């Protein structure tokens, strides 16, 4: 149940610590309970799938609820990373 956290941490800047922790814990609990208590019929699904989905949904919802507005320091750091990324994408400079 760590997949959504890896994807969100790489591609979504608003992921918060609280969203990651809640998503990880609840996703793991859902995956465990699904495998132990729900089987057969419509519940005959590999347990990591519902764990993944619940993890993803809760991580996004909790992160949106606990996300604070970016401060000036956060914006400055983000601009530095963006500038560094642009330099890396451009490649070596011909002289």
PDB file of N, CA and C in Angstrom:
ATOM      1  N   UNK A   1       0.818  -1.198   0.000  1.00  0.00           N
ATOM      2  CA  UNK A   1       0.000   0.000   0.000  1.00  0.00           C
ATOM      3  C   UNK A   1       0.858   1.257   0.000  1.00  0.00           C
ATOM      4  N   UNK A   2       2.096   1.146  -0.487  1.00  0.00           N
ATOM      5  CA  UNK A   2       2.971   2.317  -0.545  1.00  0.00           C
ATOM      6  C   UNK A   2       2.970   2.977  -1.918  1.00  0.00           C
ATOM      7  N   UNK A   3       2.401   2.315  -2.910  1.00  0.00           N
ATOM      8  CA  UNK A   3       2.418   2.823  -4.280  1.00  0.00           C
ATOM      9  C   UNK A   3       1.858   4.221  -4.441  1.00  0.00           C
ATOM     10  N   UNK A   4       0.673   4.511  -3.898  1.00  0.00           N
ATOM     11  CA  UNK A   4       0.128   5.860  -4.056  1.00  0.00           C
ATOM     12  C   UNK A   4       1.024   6.933  -3.439  1.00  0.00           C
ATOM     13  N   UNK A   5       1.663   6.620  -2.332  1.00  0.00           N
ATOM     14  CA  UNK A   5       2.521   7.616  -1.692  1.00  0.00           C
ATOM     15  C   UNK A   5       3.745   7.916  -2.535  1.00  0.00           C
ATOM     16  N   UNK A   6       4.296   6.895  -3.161  1.00  0.00           N
ATOM     17  CA  UNK A   6       5.448   7.113  -4.035  1.00  0.00           C
ATOM     18  C   UNK A   6       5.033   7.976  -5.224  1.00  0.00           C
ATOM     19  N   UNK A   7       3.919   7.630  -5.848  1.00  0.00           N
ATOM     20  CA  UNK A   7       3.451   8.400  -7.000  1.00  0.00           C
ATOM     21  C   UNK A   7       3.093   9.836  -6.618  1.00  0.00           C
ATOM     22  N   UNK A   8       2.371   9.995  -5.522  1.00  0.00           N
ATOM     23  CA  UNK A   8       1.980  11.342  -5.102  1.00  0.00           C
ATOM     24  C   UNK A   8       3.184  12.183  -4.688  1.00  0.00           C
ATOM     25  N   UNK A   9       4.144  11.581  -4.007  1.00  0.00           N
ATOM     26  CA  UNK A   9       5.310  12.358  -3.579  1.00  0.00           C
ATOM     27  C   UNK A   9       6.159  12.796  -4.764  1.00  0.00           C
ATOM     28  N   UNK A  10       6.130  12.040  -5.847  1.00  0.00           N
ATOM     29  CA  UNK A  10       6.900  12.415  -7.031  1.00  0.00           C
ATOM     30  C   UNK A  10       6.177  13.431  -7.908  1.00  0.00           C
ATOM     31  N   UNK A  11       4.852  13.341  -7.998  1.00  0.00           N
ATOM     32  CA  UNK A  11       4.131  14.122  -8.995  1.00  0.00           C
ATOM     33  C   UNK A  11       3.111  15.110  -8.438  1.00  0.00           C
ATOM     34  N   UNK A  12       2.935  15.186  -7.129  1.00  0.00           N
ATOM     35  CA  UNK A  12       1.940  16.096  -6.562  1.00  0.00           C
ATOM     36  C   UNK A  12       2.555  16.845  -5.393  1.00  0.00           C
ATOM     37  N   UNK A  13       2.690  18.145  -5.535  1.00  0.00           N
ATOM     38  CA  UNK A  13       3.392  18.959  -4.538  1.00  0.00           C
ATOM     39  C   UNK A  13       2.598  19.192  -3.257  1.00  0.00           C
ATOM     40  N   UNK A  14       1.312  18.950  -3.270  1.00  0.00           N
ATOM     41  CA  UNK A  14       0.491  19.247  -2.093  1.00  0.00           C
ATOM     42  C   UNK A  14       0.391  18.093  -1.105  1.00  0.00           C
ATOM     43  N   UNK A  15       1.078  16.988  -1.363  1.00  0.00           N
ATOM     44  CA  UNK A  15       1.048  15.869  -0.415  1.00  0.00           C
ATOM     45  C   UNK A  15       1.671  16.317   0.905  1.00  0.00           C
ATOM     46  N   UNK A  16       0.961  16.078   2.008  1.00  0.00           N
ATOM     47  CA  UNK A  16       1.463  16.462   3.327  1.00  0.00           C
ATOM     48  C   UNK A  16       1.845  15.216   4.124  1.00  0.00           C
ATOM     49  N   UNK A  17       2.542  15.448   5.224  1.00  0.00           N
ATOM     50  CA  UNK A  17       2.916  14.336   6.103  1.00  0.00           C
ATOM     51  C   UNK A  17       1.676  13.617   6.631  1.00  0.00           C
ATOM     52  N   UNK A  18       0.672  14.391   7.010  1.00  0.00           N
ATOM     53  CA  UNK A  18      -0.547  13.789   7.551  1.00  0.00           C
ATOM     54  C   UNK A  18      -1.258  12.940   6.499  1.00  0.00           C
ATOM     55  N   UNK A  19      -1.326  13.442   5.279  1.00  0.00           N
ATOM     56  CA  UNK A  19      -1.947  12.678   4.207  1.00  0.00           C
ATOM     57  C   UNK A  19      -1.210  11.383   3.936  1.00  0.00           C
ATOM     58  N   UNK A  20       0.116  11.441   3.964  1.00  0.00           N
ATOM     59  CA  UNK A  20       0.918  10.242   3.718  1.00  0.00           C
ATOM     60  C   UNK A  20       0.730   9.215   4.830  1.00  0.00           C
ATOM     61  N   UNK A  21       0.750   9.666   6.064  1.00  0.00           N
ATOM     62  CA  UNK A  21       0.624   8.744   7.199  1.00  0.00           C
ATOM     63  C   UNK A  21      -0.767   8.106   7.233  1.00  0.00           C
ATOM     64  N   UNK A  22      -1.809   8.928   7.094  1.00  0.00           N
ATOM     65  CA  UNK A  22      -3.175   8.392   7.123  1.00  0.00           C
ATOM     66  C   UNK A  22      -3.397   7.433   5.956  1.00  0.00           C
ATOM     67  N   UNK A  23      -2.959   7.819   4.769  1.00  0.00           N
ATOM     68  CA  UNK A  23      -3.120   6.953   3.608  1.00  0.00           C
ATOM     69  C   UNK A  23      -2.406   5.629   3.774  1.00  0.00           C
ATOM     70  N   UNK A  24      -1.186   5.671   4.298  1.00  0.00           N
ATOM     71  CA  UNK A  24      -0.405   4.447   4.472  1.00  0.00           C
ATOM     72  C   UNK A  24      -1.052   3.517   5.498  1.00  0.00           C
ATOM     73  N   UNK A  25      -1.445   4.059   6.628  1.00  0.00           N
ATOM     74  CA  UNK A  25      -2.018   3.222   7.689  1.00  0.00           C
ATOM     75  C   UNK A  25      -3.365   2.637   7.261  1.00  0.00           C
ATOM     76  N   UNK A  26      -4.264   3.479   6.772  1.00  0.00           N
ATOM     77  CA  UNK A  26      -5.590   2.997   6.393  1.00  0.00           C
ATOM     78  C   UNK A  26      -5.507   2.076   5.176  1.00  0.00           C
ATOM     79  N   UNK A  27      -4.635   2.373   4.227  1.00  0.00           N
ATOM     80  CA  UNK A  27      -4.457   1.490   3.076  1.00  0.00           C
ATOM     81  C   UNK A  27      -3.964   0.116   3.482  1.00  0.00           C
ATOM     82  N   UNK A  28      -3.027   0.069   4.437  1.00  0.00           N
ATOM     83  CA  UNK A  28      -2.524  -1.221   4.921  1.00  0.00           C
ATOM     84  C   UNK A  28      -3.612  -1.986   5.673  1.00  0.00           C
ATOM     85  N   UNK A  29      -4.398  -1.283   6.484  1.00  0.00           N
ATOM     86  CA  UNK A  29      -5.487  -1.935   7.224  1.00  0.00           C
ATOM     87  C   UNK A  29      -6.535  -2.488   6.254  1.00  0.00           C
ATOM     88  N   UNK A  30      -6.885  -1.716   5.243  1.00  0.00           N
ATOM     89  CA  UNK A  30      -7.865  -2.187   4.253  1.00  0.00           C
ATOM     90  C   UNK A  30      -7.331  -3.410   3.518  1.00  0.00           C
ATOM     91  N   UNK A  31      -6.071  -3.372   3.112  1.00  0.00           N
ATOM     92  CA  UNK A  31      -5.485  -4.519   2.404  1.00  0.00           C
ATOM     93  C   UNK A  31      -5.483  -5.759   3.292  1.00  0.00           C
ATOM     94  N   UNK A  32      -5.128  -5.598   4.556  1.00  0.00           N
ATOM     95  CA  UNK A  32      -5.107  -6.738   5.478  1.00  0.00           C
ATOM     96  C   UNK A  32      -6.519  -7.288   5.703  1.00  0.00           C
ATOM     97  N   UNK A  33      -7.451  -6.408   6.024  1.00  0.00           N
ATOM     98  CA  UNK A  33      -8.823  -6.850   6.302  1.00  0.00           C
ATOM     99  C   UNK A  33      -9.475  -7.457   5.067  1.00  0.00           C
ATOM    100  N   UNK A  34      -9.205  -6.896   3.908  1.00  0.00           N
ATOM    101  CA  UNK A  34      -9.773  -7.435   2.670  1.00  0.00           C
ATOM    102  C   UNK A  34      -9.308  -8.865   2.457  1.00  0.00           C
ATOM    103  N   UNK A  35      -8.033  -9.109   2.697  1.00  0.00           N
ATOM    104  CA  UNK A  35      -7.494 -10.453   2.504  1.00  0.00           C
ATOM    105  C   UNK A  35      -7.948 -11.447   3.556  1.00  0.00           C
ATOM    106  N   UNK A  36      -8.192 -10.973   4.772  1.00  0.00           N
ATOM    107  CA  UNK A  36      -8.550 -11.870   5.866  1.00  0.00           C
ATOM    108  C   UNK A  36     -10.047 -12.134   5.980  1.00  0.00           C
ATOM    109  N   UNK A  37     -10.850 -11.112   5.787  1.00  0.00           N
ATOM    110  CA  UNK A  37     -12.267 -11.219   6.112  1.00  0.00           C
ATOM    111  C   UNK A  37     -13.207 -11.200   4.915  1.00  0.00           C
ATOM    112  N   UNK A  38     -12.784 -10.642   3.810  1.00  0.00           N
ATOM    113  CA  UNK A  38     -13.658 -10.540   2.643  1.00  0.00           C
ATOM    114  C   UNK A  38     -13.105 -11.417   1.530  1.00  0.00           C
ATOM    115  N   UNK A  39     -13.808 -12.454   1.202  1.00  0.00           N
ATOM    116  CA  UNK A  39     -13.376 -13.306   0.098  1.00  0.00           C
ATOM    117  C   UNK A  39     -14.595 -13.922  -0.568  1.00  0.00           C
ATOM    118  N   UNK A  40     -14.467 -14.169  -1.851  1.00  0.00           N
ATOM    119  CA  UNK A  40     -15.553 -14.778  -2.602  1.00  0.00           C
ATOM    120  C   UNK A  40     -16.521 -13.755  -3.147  1.00  0.00           C
ATOM    121  N   UNK A  41     -17.198 -14.113  -4.201  1.00  0.00           N
ATOM    122  CA  UNK A  41     -18.198 -13.232  -4.798  1.00  0.00           C
ATOM    123  C   UNK A  41     -17.585 -11.966  -5.350  1.00  0.00           C
ATOM    124  N   UNK A  42     -18.243 -10.854  -5.084  1.00  0.00           N
ATOM    125  CA  UNK A  42     -17.732  -9.579  -5.583  1.00  0.00           C
ATOM    126  C   UNK A  42     -16.473  -9.135  -4.844  1.00  0.00           C
ATOM    127  N   UNK A  43     -16.186  -9.750  -3.711  1.00  0.00           N
ATOM    128  CA  UNK A  43     -15.009  -9.392  -2.935  1.00  0.00           C
ATOM    129  C   UNK A  43     -13.789 -10.229  -3.303  1.00  0.00           C
ATOM    130  N   UNK A  44     -13.914 -11.079  -4.317  1.00  0.00           N
ATOM    131  CA  UNK A  44     -12.811 -11.935  -4.733  1.00  0.00           C
ATOM    132  C   UNK A  44     -11.861 -11.128  -5.623  1.00  0.00           C
ATOM    133  N   UNK A  45     -11.158 -10.215  -4.988  1.00  0.00           N
ATOM    134  CA  UNK A  45     -10.256  -9.300  -5.665  1.00  0.00           C
ATOM    135  C   UNK A  45      -8.962  -9.257  -4.871  1.00  0.00           C
ATOM    136  N   UNK A  46      -7.841  -9.190  -5.571  1.00  0.00           N
ATOM    137  CA  UNK A  46      -6.561  -9.123  -4.877  1.00  0.00           C
ATOM    138  C   UNK A  46      -6.558  -7.929  -3.925  1.00  0.00           C
ATOM    139  N   UNK A  47      -6.165  -8.153  -2.681  1.00  0.00           N
ATOM    140  CA  UNK A  47      -6.360  -7.147  -1.628  1.00  0.00           C
ATOM    141  C   UNK A  47      -5.570  -5.860  -1.810  1.00  0.00           C
ATOM    142  N   UNK A  48      -4.523  -5.867  -2.615  1.00  0.00           N
ATOM    143  CA  UNK A  48      -3.744  -4.642  -2.765  1.00  0.00           C
ATOM    144  C   UNK A  48      -4.500  -3.593  -3.587  1.00  0.00           C
ATOM    145  N   UNK A  49      -5.431  -4.027  -4.429  1.00  0.00           N
ATOM    146  CA  UNK A  49      -6.188  -3.081  -5.263  1.00  0.00           C
ATOM    147  C   UNK A  49      -7.065  -2.165  -4.406  1.00  0.00           C
ATOM    148  N   UNK A  50      -7.930  -2.688  -3.535  1.00  0.00           N
ATOM    149  CA  UNK A  50      -8.706  -1.767  -2.692  1.00  0.00           C
ATOM    150  C   UNK A  50      -7.813  -0.992  -1.720  1.00  0.00           C
ATOM    151  N   UNK A  51      -6.735  -1.608  -1.240  1.00  0.00           N
ATOM    152  CA  UNK A  51      -5.801  -0.890  -0.371  1.00  0.00           C
ATOM    153  C   UNK A  51      -5.166   0.285  -1.091  1.00  0.00           C
ATOM    154  N   UNK A  52      -4.790   0.075  -2.345  1.00  0.00           N
ATOM    155  CA  UNK A  52      -4.202   1.133  -3.171  1.00  0.00           C
ATOM    156  C   UNK A  52      -5.191   2.275  -3.358  1.00  0.00           C
ATOM    157  N   UNK A  53      -6.429   1.929  -3.726  1.00  0.00           N
ATOM    158  CA  UNK A  53      -7.439   2.956  -3.990  1.00  0.00           C
ATOM    159  C   UNK A  53      -7.790   3.759  -2.743  1.00  0.00           C
ATOM    160  N   UNK A  54      -7.978   3.072  -1.615  1.00  0.00           N
ATOM    161  CA  UNK A  54      -8.299   3.773  -0.364  1.00  0.00           C
ATOM    162  C   UNK A  54      -7.124   4.648   0.068  1.00  0.00           C
ATOM    163  N   UNK A  55      -5.912   4.132  -0.058  1.00  0.00           N
ATOM    164  CA  UNK A  55      -4.712   4.896   0.268  1.00  0.00           C
ATOM    165  C   UNK A  55      -4.658   6.165  -0.576  1.00  0.00           C
ATOM    166  N   UNK A  56      -4.859   6.034  -1.866  1.00  0.00           N
ATOM    167  CA  UNK A  56      -4.804   7.176  -2.775  1.00  0.00           C
ATOM    168  C   UNK A  56      -5.861   8.220  -2.426  1.00  0.00           C
ATOM    169  N   UNK A  57      -7.089   7.775  -2.240  1.00  0.00           N
ATOM    170  CA  UNK A  57      -8.186   8.704  -1.947  1.00  0.00           C
ATOM    171  C   UNK A  57      -7.958   9.429  -0.623  1.00  0.00           C
ATOM    172  N   UNK A  58      -7.614   8.685   0.423  1.00  0.00           N
ATOM    173  CA  UNK A  58      -7.422   9.326   1.731  1.00  0.00           C
ATOM    174  C   UNK A  58      -6.194  10.221   1.761  1.00  0.00           C
ATOM    175  N   UNK A  59      -5.121   9.830   1.095  1.00  0.00           N
ATOM    176  CA  UNK A  59      -3.925  10.675   1.062  1.00  0.00           C
ATOM    177  C   UNK A  59      -4.242  12.015   0.404  1.00  0.00           C
ATOM    178  N   UNK A  60      -5.019  11.997  -0.666  1.00  0.00           N
ATOM    179  CA  UNK A  60      -5.386  13.240  -1.348  1.00  0.00           C
ATOM    180  C   UNK A  60      -6.327  14.076  -0.485  1.00  0.00           C
ATOM    181  N   UNK A  61      -7.357  13.453   0.074  1.00  0.00           N
ATOM    182  CA  UNK A  61      -8.342  14.195   0.877  1.00  0.00           C
ATOM    183  C   UNK A  61      -7.692  14.809   2.115  1.00  0.00           C
ATOM    184  N   UNK A  62      -6.913  14.022   2.847  1.00  0.00           N
ATOM    185  CA  UNK A  62      -6.273  14.538   4.067  1.00  0.00           C
ATOM    186  C   UNK A  62      -5.233  15.600   3.713  1.00  0.00           C
ATOM    187  N   UNK A  63      -4.501  15.408   2.634  1.00  0.00           N
ATOM    188  CA  UNK A  63      -3.515  16.412   2.231  1.00  0.00           C
ATOM    189  C   UNK A  63      -4.181  17.729   1.857  1.00  0.00           C
ATOM    190  N   UNK A  64      -5.295  17.662   1.150  1.00  0.00           N
ATOM    191  CA  UNK A  64      -6.008  18.896   0.810  1.00  0.00           C
ATOM    192  C   UNK A  64      -6.563  19.575   2.055  1.00  0.00           C
ATOM    193  N   UNK A  65      -6.980  18.785   3.040  1.00  0.00           N
ATOM    194  CA  UNK A  65      -7.533  19.351   4.272  1.00  0.00           C
ATOM    195  C   UNK A  65      -6.453  19.954   5.161  1.00  0.00           C
ATOM    196  N   UNK A  66      -5.229  19.439   5.094  1.00  0.00           N
ATOM    197  CA  UNK A  66      -4.169  19.901   5.994  1.00  0.00           C
ATOM    198  C   UNK A  66      -3.110  20.734   5.291  1.00  0.00           C
ATOM    199  N   UNK A  67      -3.276  20.996   3.997  1.00  0.00           N
ATOM    200  CA  UNK A  67      -2.276  21.762   3.245  1.00  0.00           C
ATOM    201  C   UNK A  67      -2.348  23.227   3.645  1.00  0.00           C
ATOM    202  N   UNK A  68      -1.210  23.797   3.955  1.00  0.00           N
ATOM    203  CA  UNK A  68      -1.159  25.215   4.295  1.00  0.00           C
ATOM    204  C   UNK A  68      -0.659  25.990   3.081  1.00  0.00           C
ATOM    205  N   UNK A  69      -0.988  27.250   3.042  1.00  0.00           N
ATOM    206  CA  UNK A  69      -0.531  28.083   1.934  1.00  0.00           C
ATOM    207  C   UNK A  69       0.993  28.185   1.973  1.00  0.00           C
ATOM    208  N   UNK A  70       1.590  28.261   0.811  1.00  0.00           N
ATOM    209  CA  UNK A  70       3.045  28.354   0.732  1.00  0.00           C
ATOM    210  C   UNK A  70       3.519  29.680   1.299  1.00  0.00           C
ATOM    211  N   UNK A  71       4.543  29.611   2.127  1.00  0.00           N
ATOM    212  CA  UNK A  71       5.142  30.826   2.664  1.00  0.00           C
ATOM    213  C   UNK A  71       6.169  31.347   1.659  1.00  0.00           C
ATOM    214  N   UNK A  72       6.732  32.502   1.934  1.00  0.00           N
ATOM    215  CA  UNK A  72       7.734  33.084   1.041  1.00  0.00           C
ATOM    216  C   UNK A  72       8.962  32.186   0.950  1.00  0.00           C
ATOM    217  N   UNK A  73       9.350  31.580   2.075  1.00  0.00           N
ATOM    218  CA  UNK A  73      10.506  30.681   2.064  1.00  0.00           C
ATOM    219  C   UNK A  73      10.242  29.455   1.200  1.00  0.00           C
ATOM    220  N   UNK A  74       9.044  28.895   1.305  1.00  0.00           N
ATOM    221  CA  UNK A  74       8.696  27.727   0.490  1.00  0.00           C
ATOM    222  C   UNK A  74       8.725  28.069  -0.997  1.00  0.00           C
ATOM    223  N   UNK A  75       8.218  29.241  -1.345  1.00  0.00           N
ATOM    224  CA  UNK A  75       8.214  29.648  -2.751  1.00  0.00           C
ATOM    225  C   UNK A  75       9.638  29.850  -3.262  1.00  0.00           C
ATOM    226  N   UNK A  76      10.496  30.423  -2.424  1.00  0.00           N
ATOM    227  CA  UNK A  76      11.891  30.639  -2.823  1.00  0.00           C
ATOM    228  C   UNK A  76      12.607  29.308  -3.051  1.00  0.00           C
ATOM    229  N   UNK A  77      12.380  28.362  -2.172  1.00  0.00           N
ATOM    230  CA  UNK A  77      12.992  27.038  -2.320  1.00  0.00           C
ATOM    231  C   UNK A  77      12.462  26.353  -3.574  1.00  0.00           C
ATOM    232  N   UNK A  78      11.164  26.447  -3.821  1.00  0.00           N
ATOM    233  CA  UNK A  78      10.578  25.825  -5.005  1.00  0.00           C
ATOM    234  C   UNK A  78      11.128  26.448  -6.281  1.00  0.00           C
ATOM    235  N   UNK A  79      11.308  27.767  -6.289  1.00  0.00           N
ATOM    236  CA  UNK A  79      11.876  28.428  -7.463  1.00  0.00           C
ATOM    237  C   UNK A  79      13.307  27.970  -7.708  1.00  0.00           C
ATOM    238  N   UNK A  80      14.071  27.763  -6.645  1.00  0.00           N
ATOM    239  CA  UNK A  80      15.448  27.288  -6.786  1.00  0.00           C
ATOM    240  C   UNK A  80      15.478  25.890  -7.395  1.00  0.00           C
ATOM    241  N   UNK A  81      14.601  25.005  -6.937  1.00  0.00           N
ATOM    242  CA  UNK A  81      14.537  23.657  -7.506  1.00  0.00           C
ATOM    243  C   UNK A  81      14.089  23.702  -8.969  1.00  0.00           C
ATOM    244  N   UNK A  82      13.129  24.565  -9.278  1.00  0.00           N
ATOM    245  CA  UNK A  82      12.663  24.688 -10.659  1.00  0.00           C
ATOM    246  C   UNK A  82      13.781  25.196 -11.556  1.00  0.00           C
ATOM    247  N   UNK A  83      14.513  26.198 -11.087  1.00  0.00           N
ATOM    248  CA  UNK A  83      15.629  26.753 -11.860  1.00  0.00           C
ATOM    249  C   UNK A  83      16.711  25.700 -12.078  1.00  0.00           C
ATOM    250  N   UNK A  84      17.036  24.948 -11.042  1.00  0.00           N
ATOM    251  CA  UNK A  84      18.032  23.882 -11.159  1.00  0.00           C
ATOM    252  C   UNK A  84      17.565  22.816 -12.141  1.00  0.00           C
ATOM    253  N   UNK A  85      16.292  22.459 -12.093  1.00  0.00           N
ATOM    254  CA  UNK A  85      15.749  21.482 -13.033  1.00  0.00           C
ATOM    255  C   UNK A  85      15.834  21.966 -14.467  1.00  0.00           C
ATOM    256  N   UNK A  86      15.579  23.261 -14.686  1.00  0.00           N
ATOM    257  CA  UNK A  86      15.685  23.815 -16.037  1.00  0.00           C
ATOM    258  C   UNK A  86      17.118  23.754 -16.541  1.00  0.00           C
ATOM    259  N   UNK A  87      18.076  24.010 -15.671  1.00  0.00           N
ATOM    260  CA  UNK A  87      19.489  23.925 -16.053  1.00  0.00           C
ATOM    261  C   UNK A  87      19.838  22.494 -16.433  1.00  0.00           C
ATOM    262  N   UNK A  88      19.371  21.536 -15.651  1.00  0.00           N
ATOM    263  CA  UNK A  88      19.672  20.135 -15.939  1.00  0.00           C
ATOM    264  C   UNK A  88      19.039  19.677 -17.245  1.00  0.00           C
ATOM    265  N   UNK A  89      17.851  20.170 -17.545  1.00  0.00           N
ATOM    266  CA  UNK A  89      17.165  19.775 -18.776  1.00  0.00           C
ATOM    267  C   UNK A  89      17.875  20.346 -20.001  1.00  0.00           C
ATOM    268  N   UNK A  90      18.415  21.557 -19.884  1.00  0.00           N
ATOM    269  CA  UNK A  90      19.082  22.192 -21.018  1.00  0.00           C
ATOM    270  C   UNK A  90      20.356  21.458 -21.411  1.00  0.00           C
ATOM    271  N   UNK A  91      20.988  20.832 -20.464  1.00  0.00           N
ATOM    272  CA  UNK A  91      22.214  20.090 -20.761  1.00  0.00           C
ATOM    273  C   UNK A  91      23.442  20.986 -20.710  1.00  0.00           C
ATOM    274  N   UNK A  92      24.592  20.444 -21.147  1.00  0.00           N
ATOM    275  CA  UNK A  92      25.833  21.212 -21.066  1.00  0.00           C
ATOM    276  C   UNK A  92      25.812  22.409 -22.017  1.00  0.00           C
ATOM    277  N   UNK A  93      26.497  23.447 -21.611  1.00  0.00           N
ATOM    278  CA  UNK A  93      26.572  24.674 -22.403  1.00  0.00           C
ATOM    279  C   UNK A  93      27.770  24.569 -23.336  1.00  0.00           C
ATOM    280  N   UNK A  94      27.549  24.829 -24.629  1.00  0.00           N
ATOM    281  CA  UNK A  94      28.651  24.824 -25.599  1.00  0.00           C
ATOM    282  C   UNK A  94      29.403  26.138 -25.494  1.00  0.00           C
ATOM    283  N   UNK A  95      30.717  26.051 -25.451  1.00  0.00           N
ATOM    284  CA  UNK A  95      31.533  27.272 -25.360  1.00  0.00           C
ATOM    285  C   UNK A  95      32.383  27.415 -26.575  1.00  0.00           C
TER     286      UNK A  95
END
